[in-house]
Amino acid sequence: MAEKTSEDRRQSEFVNTRQAARLLGITPRSLHGLRERGRISGYRKPRRKGDGGGKKWWFYKRDDVYNLLADSDYVSYRNRQAARLKGARRWILETEPEW
């Protein structure tokens, strides 16, 4: 079986957690939270006997990621959260005591 090239991976139907999070502009943990709340569907390869222990990786359909990015409710919420965090950081920097 031939090795997959990077072009094959870019054209793949699925992306891994890190790639999906990067496309969405969030952390992998935030992406898992979206999956747990049902905002995006995640997929795992079924476990087989010879797979051994450890956690299985999550994959996401590339179209689902792009559909979430096109959802105006999701994008506006994400932008509000980012603005709130930016304001909190500014407040912390302004009120930080000088030692």
PDB file of N, CA and C in Angstrom:
ATOM      1  N   MET A   1       0.847  -1.176   0.000  1.00  0.00           N
ATOM      2  CA  MET A   1       0.000   0.000   0.000  1.00  0.00           C
ATOM      3  C   MET A   1       0.895   1.242   0.000  1.00  0.00           C
ATOM      4  N   ALA A   2       0.599   2.192  -0.838  1.00  0.00           N
ATOM      5  CA  ALA A   2       1.411   3.402  -0.974  1.00  0.00           C
ATOM      6  C   ALA A   2       1.185   4.340   0.210  1.00  0.00           C
ATOM      7  N   GLU A   3       2.242   5.058   0.551  1.00  0.00           N
ATOM      8  CA  GLU A   3       2.149   6.052   1.622  1.00  0.00           C
ATOM      9  C   GLU A   3       1.253   7.203   1.191  1.00  0.00           C
ATOM     10  N   LYS A   4       0.529   7.779   2.158  1.00  0.00           N
ATOM     11  CA  LYS A   4      -0.291   8.948   1.855  1.00  0.00           C
ATOM     12  C   LYS A   4       0.602  10.179   1.793  1.00  0.00           C
ATOM     13  N   THR A   5       0.359  11.013   0.822  1.00  0.00           N
ATOM     14  CA  THR A   5       1.109  12.262   0.710  1.00  0.00           C
ATOM     15  C   THR A   5       0.365  13.355   1.474  1.00  0.00           C
ATOM     16  N   SER A   6       1.040  14.480   1.696  1.00  0.00           N
ATOM     17  CA  SER A   6       0.386  15.584   2.396  1.00  0.00           C
ATOM     18  C   SER A   6      -0.797  16.106   1.581  1.00  0.00           C
ATOM     19  N   GLU A   7      -0.716  16.029   0.259  1.00  0.00           N
ATOM     20  CA  GLU A   7      -1.844  16.455  -0.580  1.00  0.00           C
ATOM     21  C   GLU A   7      -3.043  15.536  -0.372  1.00  0.00           C
ATOM     22  N   ASP A   8      -2.802  14.233  -0.229  1.00  0.00           N
ATOM     23  CA  ASP A   8      -3.893  13.290   0.049  1.00  0.00           C
ATOM     24  C   ASP A   8      -4.558  13.627   1.371  1.00  0.00           C
ATOM     25  N   ARG A   9      -3.765  13.981   2.370  1.00  0.00           N
ATOM     26  CA  ARG A   9      -4.319  14.311   3.682  1.00  0.00           C
ATOM     27  C   ARG A   9      -5.138  15.595   3.626  1.00  0.00           C
ATOM     28  N   ARG A  10      -4.681  16.575   2.840  1.00  0.00           N
ATOM     29  CA  ARG A  10      -5.424  17.836   2.717  1.00  0.00           C
ATOM     30  C   ARG A  10      -6.766  17.618   2.031  1.00  0.00           C
ATOM     31  N   GLN A  11      -6.856  16.644   1.157  1.00  0.00           N
ATOM     32  CA  GLN A  11      -8.087  16.374   0.432  1.00  0.00           C
ATOM     33  C   GLN A  11      -8.983  15.369   1.163  1.00  0.00           C
ATOM     34  N   SER A  12      -8.531  14.867   2.296  1.00  0.00           N
ATOM     35  CA  SER A  12      -9.273  13.862   3.042  1.00  0.00           C
ATOM     36  C   SER A  12     -10.601  14.422   3.545  1.00  0.00           C
ATOM     37  N   GLU A  13     -11.567  13.534   3.724  1.00  0.00           N
ATOM     38  CA  GLU A  13     -12.883  13.915   4.239  1.00  0.00           C
ATOM     39  C   GLU A  13     -12.807  14.285   5.721  1.00  0.00           C
ATOM     40  N   PHE A  14     -11.831  13.719   6.447  1.00  0.00           N
ATOM     41  CA  PHE A  14     -11.723  13.922   7.882  1.00  0.00           C
ATOM     42  C   PHE A  14     -10.476  14.716   8.248  1.00  0.00           C
ATOM     43  N   VAL A  15     -10.552  15.414   9.388  1.00  0.00           N
ATOM     44  CA  VAL A  15      -9.391  16.084   9.973  1.00  0.00           C
ATOM     45  C   VAL A  15      -9.283  15.623  11.414  1.00  0.00           C
ATOM     46  N   ASN A  16      -8.071  15.644  11.956  1.00  0.00           N
ATOM     47  CA  ASN A  16      -7.914  15.232  13.343  1.00  0.00           C
ATOM     48  C   ASN A  16      -8.256  16.402  14.270  1.00  0.00           C
ATOM     49  N   THR A  17      -8.189  16.163  15.563  1.00  0.00           N
ATOM     50  CA  THR A  17      -8.586  17.167  16.545  1.00  0.00           C
ATOM     51  C   THR A  17      -7.763  18.436  16.422  1.00  0.00           C
ATOM     52  N   ARG A  18      -6.465  18.306  16.304  1.00  0.00           N
ATOM     53  CA  ARG A  18      -5.599  19.485  16.226  1.00  0.00           C
ATOM     54  C   ARG A  18      -5.907  20.316  14.978  1.00  0.00           C
ATOM     55  N   GLN A  19      -6.107  19.644  13.852  1.00  0.00           N
ATOM     56  CA  GLN A  19      -6.408  20.363  12.614  1.00  0.00           C
ATOM     57  C   GLN A  19      -7.764  21.071  12.699  1.00  0.00           C
ATOM     58  N   ALA A  20      -8.767  20.383  13.234  1.00  0.00           N
ATOM     59  CA  ALA A  20     -10.100  20.983  13.361  1.00  0.00           C
ATOM     60  C   ALA A  20     -10.060  22.187  14.297  1.00  0.00           C
ATOM     61  N   ALA A  21      -9.356  22.043  15.421  1.00  0.00           N
ATOM     62  CA  ALA A  21      -9.259  23.154  16.378  1.00  0.00           C
ATOM     63  C   ALA A  21      -8.552  24.341  15.742  1.00  0.00           C
ATOM     64  N   ARG A  22      -7.513  24.093  14.989  1.00  0.00           N
ATOM     65  CA  ARG A  22      -6.778  25.176  14.326  1.00  0.00           C
ATOM     66  C   ARG A  22      -7.676  25.884  13.312  1.00  0.00           C
ATOM     67  N   LEU A  23      -8.454  25.118  12.547  1.00  0.00           N
ATOM     68  CA  LEU A  23      -9.374  25.723  11.578  1.00  0.00           C
ATOM     69  C   LEU A  23     -10.421  26.594  12.270  1.00  0.00           C
ATOM     70  N   LEU A  24     -10.892  26.140  13.440  1.00  0.00           N
ATOM     71  CA  LEU A  24     -11.914  26.875  14.175  1.00  0.00           C
ATOM     72  C   LEU A  24     -11.338  28.013  15.017  1.00  0.00           C
ATOM     73  N   GLY A  25     -10.035  28.018  15.216  1.00  0.00           N
ATOM     74  CA  GLY A  25      -9.412  29.062  16.021  1.00  0.00           C
ATOM     75  C   GLY A  25      -9.615  28.866  17.511  1.00  0.00           C
ATOM     76  N   ILE A  26      -9.702  27.600  17.940  1.00  0.00           N
ATOM     77  CA  ILE A  26      -9.913  27.288  19.356  1.00  0.00           C
ATOM     78  C   ILE A  26      -8.903  26.225  19.780  1.00  0.00           C
ATOM     79  N   THR A  27      -8.924  25.887  21.067  1.00  0.00           N
ATOM     80  CA  THR A  27      -8.028  24.853  21.569  1.00  0.00           C
ATOM     81  C   THR A  27      -8.656  23.472  21.340  1.00  0.00           C
ATOM     82  N   PRO A  28      -7.826  22.422  21.328  1.00  0.00           N
ATOM     83  CA  PRO A  28      -8.387  21.072  21.213  1.00  0.00           C
ATOM     84  C   PRO A  28      -9.379  20.754  22.338  1.00  0.00           C
ATOM     85  N   ARG A  29      -9.126  21.241  23.547  1.00  0.00           N
ATOM     86  CA  ARG A  29     -10.051  20.990  24.660  1.00  0.00           C
ATOM     87  C   ARG A  29     -11.401  21.645  24.405  1.00  0.00           C
ATOM     88  N   SER A  30     -11.388  22.854  23.831  1.00  0.00           N
ATOM     89  CA  SER A  30     -12.645  23.530  23.494  1.00  0.00           C
ATOM     90  C   SER A  30     -13.406  22.747  22.432  1.00  0.00           C
ATOM     91  N   LEU A  31     -12.672  22.177  21.494  1.00  0.00           N
ATOM     92  CA  LEU A  31     -13.300  21.364  20.456  1.00  0.00           C
ATOM     93  C   LEU A  31     -13.964  20.136  21.072  1.00  0.00           C
ATOM     94  N   HIS A  32     -13.306  19.504  22.039  1.00  0.00           N
ATOM     95  CA  HIS A  32     -13.911  18.353  22.716  1.00  0.00           C
ATOM     96  C   HIS A  32     -15.187  18.782  23.442  1.00  0.00           C
ATOM     97  N   GLY A  33     -15.175  19.987  24.011  1.00  0.00           N
ATOM     98  CA  GLY A  33     -16.378  20.502  24.660  1.00  0.00           C
ATOM     99  C   GLY A  33     -17.514  20.699  23.668  1.00  0.00           C
ATOM    100  N   LEU A  34     -17.203  21.212  22.483  1.00  0.00           N
ATOM    101  CA  LEU A  34     -18.219  21.358  21.444  1.00  0.00           C
ATOM    102  C   LEU A  34     -18.795  20.001  21.054  1.00  0.00           C
ATOM    103  N   ARG A  35     -17.920  19.002  20.973  1.00  0.00           N
ATOM    104  CA  ARG A  35     -18.377  17.655  20.629  1.00  0.00           C
ATOM    105  C   ARG A  35     -19.260  17.092  21.732  1.00  0.00           C
ATOM    106  N   GLU A  36     -18.872  17.281  22.985  1.00  0.00           N
ATOM    107  CA  GLU A  36     -19.646  16.753  24.111  1.00  0.00           C
ATOM    108  C   GLU A  36     -21.015  17.423  24.217  1.00  0.00           C
ATOM    109  N   ARG A  37     -21.106  18.704  23.808  1.00  0.00           N
ATOM    110  CA  ARG A  37     -22.383  19.417  23.838  1.00  0.00           C
ATOM    111  C   ARG A  37     -23.210  19.196  22.576  1.00  0.00           C
ATOM    112  N   GLY A  38     -22.666  18.470  21.604  1.00  0.00           N
ATOM    113  CA  GLY A  38     -23.411  18.141  20.402  1.00  0.00           C
ATOM    114  C   GLY A  38     -23.365  19.202  19.307  1.00  0.00           C
ATOM    115  N   ARG A  39     -22.454  20.175  19.410  1.00  0.00           N
ATOM    116  CA  ARG A  39     -22.346  21.213  18.375  1.00  0.00           C
ATOM    117  C   ARG A  39     -21.653  20.691  17.117  1.00  0.00           C
ATOM    118  N   ILE A  40     -20.802  19.682  17.280  1.00  0.00           N
ATOM    119  CA  ILE A  40     -20.093  19.083  16.153  1.00  0.00           C
ATOM    120  C   ILE A  40     -19.990  17.583  16.415  1.00  0.00           C
ATOM    121  N   SER A  41     -20.064  16.818  15.352  1.00  0.00           N
ATOM    122  CA  SER A  41     -19.986  15.360  15.490  1.00  0.00           C
ATOM    123  C   SER A  41     -18.538  14.904  15.373  1.00  0.00           C
ATOM    124  N   GLY A  42     -18.145  14.022  16.271  1.00  0.00           N
ATOM    125  CA  GLY A  42     -16.814  13.436  16.226  1.00  0.00           C
ATOM    126  C   GLY A  42     -16.912  11.958  15.898  1.00  0.00           C
ATOM    127  N   TYR A  43     -15.859  11.442  15.319  1.00  0.00           N
ATOM    128  CA  TYR A  43     -15.843  10.039  14.902  1.00  0.00           C
ATOM    129  C   TYR A  43     -14.565   9.384  15.395  1.00  0.00           C
ATOM    130  N   ARG A  44     -14.690   8.112  15.742  1.00  0.00           N
ATOM    131  CA  ARG A  44     -13.544   7.308  16.157  1.00  0.00           C
ATOM    132  C   ARG A  44     -13.525   6.025  15.359  1.00  0.00           C
ATOM    133  N   LYS A  45     -12.315   5.545  15.102  1.00  0.00           N
ATOM    134  CA  LYS A  45     -12.189   4.240  14.474  1.00  0.00           C
ATOM    135  C   LYS A  45     -12.575   3.195  15.523  1.00  0.00           C
ATOM    136  N   PRO A  46     -13.380   2.214  15.151  1.00  0.00           N
ATOM    137  CA  PRO A  46     -13.770   1.193  16.133  1.00  0.00           C
ATOM    138  C   PRO A  46     -12.545   0.468  16.698  1.00  0.00           C
ATOM    139  N   ARG A  47     -12.597   0.165  17.976  1.00  0.00           N
ATOM    140  CA  ARG A  47     -11.511  -0.545  18.637  1.00  0.00           C
ATOM    141  C   ARG A  47     -11.464  -1.994  18.162  1.00  0.00           C
ATOM    142  N   ARG A  48     -10.239  -2.446  17.929  1.00  0.00           N
ATOM    143  CA  ARG A  48     -10.032  -3.847  17.565  1.00  0.00           C
ATOM    144  C   ARG A  48      -9.180  -4.506  18.641  1.00  0.00           C
ATOM    145  N   LYS A  49      -9.197  -5.789  18.644  1.00  0.00           N
ATOM    146  CA  LYS A  49      -8.490  -6.541  19.666  1.00  0.00           C
ATOM    147  C   LYS A  49      -6.998  -6.207  19.698  1.00  0.00           C
ATOM    148  N   GLY A  50      -6.370  -6.051  18.559  1.00  0.00           N
ATOM    149  CA  GLY A  50      -4.932  -5.816  18.500  1.00  0.00           C
ATOM    150  C   GLY A  50      -4.510  -4.363  18.680  1.00  0.00           C
ATOM    151  N   ASP A  51      -5.447  -3.450  18.947  1.00  0.00           N
ATOM    152  CA  ASP A  51      -5.115  -2.032  19.061  1.00  0.00           C
ATOM    153  C   ASP A  51      -4.356  -1.699  20.342  1.00  0.00           C
ATOM    154  N   GLY A  52      -4.476  -2.514  21.337  1.00  0.00           N
ATOM    155  CA  GLY A  52      -3.804  -2.213  22.595  1.00  0.00           C
ATOM    156  C   GLY A  52      -4.580  -1.200  23.419  1.00  0.00           C
ATOM    157  N   GLY A  53      -3.955  -0.757  24.500  1.00  0.00           N
ATOM    158  CA  GLY A  53      -4.612   0.191  25.391  1.00  0.00           C
ATOM    159  C   GLY A  53      -4.472   1.612  24.890  1.00  0.00           C
ATOM    160  N   GLY A  54      -4.881   2.521  25.707  1.00  0.00           N
ATOM    161  CA  GLY A  54      -4.756   3.927  25.361  1.00  0.00           C
ATOM    162  C   GLY A  54      -6.020   4.481  24.732  1.00  0.00           C
ATOM    163  N   LYS A  55      -6.021   5.793  24.625  1.00  0.00           N
ATOM    164  CA  LYS A  55      -7.187   6.468  24.073  1.00  0.00           C
ATOM    165  C   LYS A  55      -7.144   6.445  22.556  1.00  0.00           C
ATOM    166  N   LYS A  56      -8.311   6.411  21.954  1.00  0.00           N
ATOM    167  CA  LYS A  56      -8.425   6.493  20.499  1.00  0.00           C
ATOM    168  C   LYS A  56      -8.596   7.955  20.119  1.00  0.00           C
ATOM    169  N   TRP A  57      -8.075   8.321  18.987  1.00  0.00           N
ATOM    170  CA  TRP A  57      -8.145   9.702  18.527  1.00  0.00           C
ATOM    171  C   TRP A  57      -9.516  10.014  17.951  1.00  0.00           C
ATOM    172  N   TRP A  58      -9.918  11.266  18.085  1.00  0.00           N
ATOM    173  CA  TRP A  58     -11.158  11.745  17.489  1.00  0.00           C
ATOM    174  C   TRP A  58     -10.848  12.371  16.137  1.00  0.00           C
ATOM    175  N   PHE A  59     -11.767  12.179  15.208  1.00  0.00           N
ATOM    176  CA  PHE A  59     -11.687  12.795  13.891  1.00  0.00           C
ATOM    177  C   PHE A  59     -12.990  13.518  13.628  1.00  0.00           C
ATOM    178  N   TYR A  60     -12.929  14.542  12.796  1.00  0.00           N
ATOM    179  CA  TYR A  60     -14.090  15.368  12.484  1.00  0.00           C
ATOM    180  C   TYR A  60     -14.202  15.512  10.980  1.00  0.00           C
ATOM    181  N   LYS A  61     -15.434  15.501  10.475  1.00  0.00           N
ATOM    182  CA  LYS A  61     -15.627  15.702   9.045  1.00  0.00           C
ATOM    183  C   LYS A  61     -15.261  17.142   8.704  1.00  0.00           C
ATOM    184  N   ARG A  62     -14.474  17.291   7.667  1.00  0.00           N
ATOM    185  CA  ARG A  62     -14.040  18.618   7.229  1.00  0.00           C
ATOM    186  C   ARG A  62     -15.260  19.515   6.952  1.00  0.00           C
ATOM    187  N   ASP A  63     -16.303  18.960   6.339  1.00  0.00           N
ATOM    188  CA  ASP A  63     -17.508  19.736   6.047  1.00  0.00           C
ATOM    189  C   ASP A  63     -18.194  20.212   7.325  1.00  0.00           C
ATOM    190  N   ASP A  64     -18.202  19.374   8.376  1.00  0.00           N
ATOM    191  CA  ASP A  64     -18.806  19.782   9.651  1.00  0.00           C
ATOM    192  C   ASP A  64     -18.056  20.964  10.260  1.00  0.00           C
ATOM    193  N   VAL A  65     -16.741  20.948  10.140  1.00  0.00           N
ATOM    194  CA  VAL A  65     -15.931  22.053  10.670  1.00  0.00           C
ATOM    195  C   VAL A  65     -16.255  23.334   9.912  1.00  0.00           C
ATOM    196  N   TYR A  66     -16.292  23.269   8.585  1.00  0.00           N
ATOM    197  CA  TYR A  66     -16.601  24.454   7.785  1.00  0.00           C
ATOM    198  C   TYR A  66     -18.037  24.927   8.009  1.00  0.00           C
ATOM    199  N   ASN A  67     -18.969  23.993   8.209  1.00  0.00           N
ATOM    200  CA  ASN A  67     -20.351  24.378   8.505  1.00  0.00           C
ATOM    201  C   ASN A  67     -20.448  25.113   9.836  1.00  0.00           C
ATOM    202  N   LEU A  68     -19.688  24.675  10.818  1.00  0.00           N
ATOM    203  CA  LEU A  68     -19.678  25.363  12.110  1.00  0.00           C
ATOM    204  C   LEU A  68     -19.104  26.770  11.952  1.00  0.00           C
ATOM    205  N   LEU A  69     -18.069  26.908  11.149  1.00  0.00           N
ATOM    206  CA  LEU A  69     -17.497  28.235  10.883  1.00  0.00           C
ATOM    207  C   LEU A  69     -18.483  29.148  10.165  1.00  0.00           C
ATOM    208  N   ALA A  70     -19.371  28.575   9.373  1.00  0.00           N
ATOM    209  CA  ALA A  70     -20.359  29.365   8.645  1.00  0.00           C
ATOM    210  C   ALA A  70     -21.580  29.696   9.499  1.00  0.00           C
ATOM    211  N   ASP A  71     -21.711  29.074  10.662  1.00  0.00           N
ATOM    212  CA  ASP A  71     -22.842  29.310  11.556  1.00  0.00           C
ATOM    213  C   ASP A  71     -22.656  30.652  12.265  1.00  0.00           C
ATOM    214  N   SER A  72     -23.506  31.616  11.957  1.00  0.00           N
ATOM    215  CA  SER A  72     -23.349  32.967  12.508  1.00  0.00           C
ATOM    216  C   SER A  72     -23.510  32.990  14.025  1.00  0.00           C
ATOM    217  N   ASP A  73     -24.368  32.141  14.595  1.00  0.00           N
ATOM    218  CA  ASP A  73     -24.523  32.085  16.056  1.00  0.00           C
ATOM    219  C   ASP A  73     -23.225  31.655  16.721  1.00  0.00           C
ATOM    220  N   TYR A  74     -22.578  30.618  16.160  1.00  0.00           N
ATOM    221  CA  TYR A  74     -21.332  30.134  16.732  1.00  0.00           C
ATOM    222  C   TYR A  74     -20.239  31.201  16.636  1.00  0.00           C
ATOM    223  N   VAL A  75     -20.113  31.827  15.465  1.00  0.00           N
ATOM    224  CA  VAL A  75     -19.050  32.811  15.247  1.00  0.00           C
ATOM    225  C   VAL A  75     -19.249  34.027  16.150  1.00  0.00           C
ATOM    226  N   SER A  76     -20.483  34.507  16.290  1.00  0.00           N
ATOM    227  CA  SER A  76     -20.707  35.679  17.142  1.00  0.00           C
ATOM    228  C   SER A  76     -20.437  35.342  18.608  1.00  0.00           C
ATOM    229  N   TYR A  77     -20.830  34.144  19.057  1.00  0.00           N
ATOM    230  CA  TYR A  77     -20.538  33.737  20.433  1.00  0.00           C
ATOM    231  C   TYR A  77     -19.032  33.659  20.663  1.00  0.00           C
ATOM    232  N   ARG A  78     -18.316  33.048  19.716  1.00  0.00           N
ATOM    233  CA  ARG A  78     -16.861  32.932  19.842  1.00  0.00           C
ATOM    234  C   ARG A  78     -16.206  34.312  19.899  1.00  0.00           C
ATOM    235  N   ASN A  79     -16.682  35.241  19.076  1.00  0.00           N
ATOM    236  CA  ASN A  79     -16.125  36.588  19.079  1.00  0.00           C
ATOM    237  C   ASN A  79     -16.421  37.318  20.386  1.00  0.00           C
ATOM    238  N   ARG A  80     -17.624  37.122  20.934  1.00  0.00           N
ATOM    239  CA  ARG A  80     -17.952  37.741  22.236  1.00  0.00           C
ATOM    240  C   ARG A  80     -17.059  37.188  23.333  1.00  0.00           C
ATOM    241  N   GLN A  81     -16.839  35.872  23.320  1.00  0.00           N
ATOM    242  CA  GLN A  81     -15.970  35.258  24.328  1.00  0.00           C
ATOM    243  C   GLN A  81     -14.548  35.800  24.219  1.00  0.00           C
ATOM    244  N   ALA A  82     -14.043  35.917  23.001  1.00  0.00           N
ATOM    245  CA  ALA A  82     -12.683  36.423  22.796  1.00  0.00           C
ATOM    246  C   ALA A  82     -12.568  37.862  23.286  1.00  0.00           C
ATOM    247  N   ALA A  83     -13.578  38.688  23.017  1.00  0.00           N
ATOM    248  CA  ALA A  83     -13.550  40.077  23.464  1.00  0.00           C
ATOM    249  C   ALA A  83     -13.598  40.147  24.990  1.00  0.00           C
ATOM    250  N   ARG A  84     -14.404  39.286  25.601  1.00  0.00           N
ATOM    251  CA  ARG A  84     -14.501  39.264  27.066  1.00  0.00           C
ATOM    252  C   ARG A  84     -13.156  38.896  27.688  1.00  0.00           C
ATOM    253  N   LEU A  85     -12.497  37.893  27.128  1.00  0.00           N
ATOM    254  CA  LEU A  85     -11.200  37.478  27.654  1.00  0.00           C
ATOM    255  C   LEU A  85     -10.144  38.556  27.448  1.00  0.00           C
ATOM    256  N   LYS A  86     -10.199  39.223  26.305  1.00  0.00           N
ATOM    257  CA  LYS A  86      -9.244  40.294  26.027  1.00  0.00           C
ATOM    258  C   LYS A  86      -9.418  41.426  27.040  1.00  0.00           C
ATOM    259  N   GLY A  87     -10.662  41.769  27.350  1.00  0.00           N
ATOM    260  CA  GLY A  87     -10.939  42.796  28.352  1.00  0.00           C
ATOM    261  C   GLY A  87     -10.450  42.383  29.729  1.00  0.00           C
ATOM    262  N   ALA A  88     -10.622  41.115  30.070  1.00  0.00           N
ATOM    263  CA  ALA A  88     -10.164  40.621  31.379  1.00  0.00           C
ATOM    264  C   ALA A  88      -8.647  40.692  31.466  1.00  0.00           C
ATOM    265  N   ARG A  89      -7.959  40.343  30.398  1.00  0.00           N
ATOM    266  CA  ARG A  89      -6.491  40.424  30.404  1.00  0.00           C
ATOM    267  C   ARG A  89      -6.033  41.863  30.578  1.00  0.00           C
ATOM    268  N   ARG A  90      -6.703  42.787  29.890  1.00  0.00           N
ATOM    269  CA  ARG A  90      -6.337  44.199  29.993  1.00  0.00           C
ATOM    270  C   ARG A  90      -6.518  44.676  31.437  1.00  0.00           C
ATOM    271  N   TRP A  91      -7.647  44.281  32.074  1.00  0.00           N
ATOM    272  CA  TRP A  91      -7.914  44.684  33.445  1.00  0.00           C
ATOM    273  C   TRP A  91      -6.846  44.134  34.386  1.00  0.00           C
ATOM    274  N   ILE A  92      -6.456  42.878  34.198  1.00  0.00           N
ATOM    275  CA  ILE A  92      -5.428  42.265  35.043  1.00  0.00           C
ATOM    276  C   ILE A  92      -4.108  43.007  34.892  1.00  0.00           C
ATOM    277  N   LEU A  93      -3.738  43.334  33.670  1.00  0.00           N
ATOM    278  CA  LEU A  93      -2.478  44.043  33.446  1.00  0.00           C
ATOM    279  C   LEU A  93      -2.510  45.441  34.051  1.00  0.00           C
ATOM    280  N   GLU A  94      -3.661  46.112  33.998  1.00  0.00           N
ATOM    281  CA  GLU A  94      -3.756  47.467  34.540  1.00  0.00           C
ATOM    282  C   GLU A  94      -3.772  47.480  36.055  1.00  0.00           C
ATOM    283  N   THR A  95      -4.319  46.439  36.681  1.00  0.00           N
ATOM    284  CA  THR A  95      -4.448  46.423  38.136  1.00  0.00           C
ATOM    285  C   THR A  95      -3.380  45.595  38.824  1.00  0.00           C
ATOM    286  N   GLU A  96      -2.434  45.084  38.066  1.00  0.00           N
ATOM    287  CA  GLU A  96      -1.384  44.254  38.648  1.00  0.00           C
ATOM    288  C   GLU A  96      -0.522  45.100  39.593  1.00  0.00           C
ATOM    289  N   PRO A  97      -0.349  44.648  40.822  1.00  0.00           N
ATOM    290  CA  PRO A  97       0.462  45.436  41.764  1.00  0.00           C
ATOM    291  C   PRO A  97       1.933  45.441  41.358  1.00  0.00           C
ATOM    292  N   GLU A  98       2.569  46.528  41.650  1.00  0.00           N
ATOM    293  CA  GLU A  98       4.005  46.620  41.366  1.00  0.00           C
ATOM    294  C   GLU A  98       4.751  46.146  42.606  1.00  0.00           C
ATOM    295  N   TRP A  99       5.599  45.227  42.440  1.00  0.00           N
ATOM    296  CA  TRP A  99       6.327  44.645  43.573  1.00  0.00           C
ATOM    297  C   TRP A  99       7.569  45.388  43.818  1.00  0.00           C
TER     298      TRP A  99
END
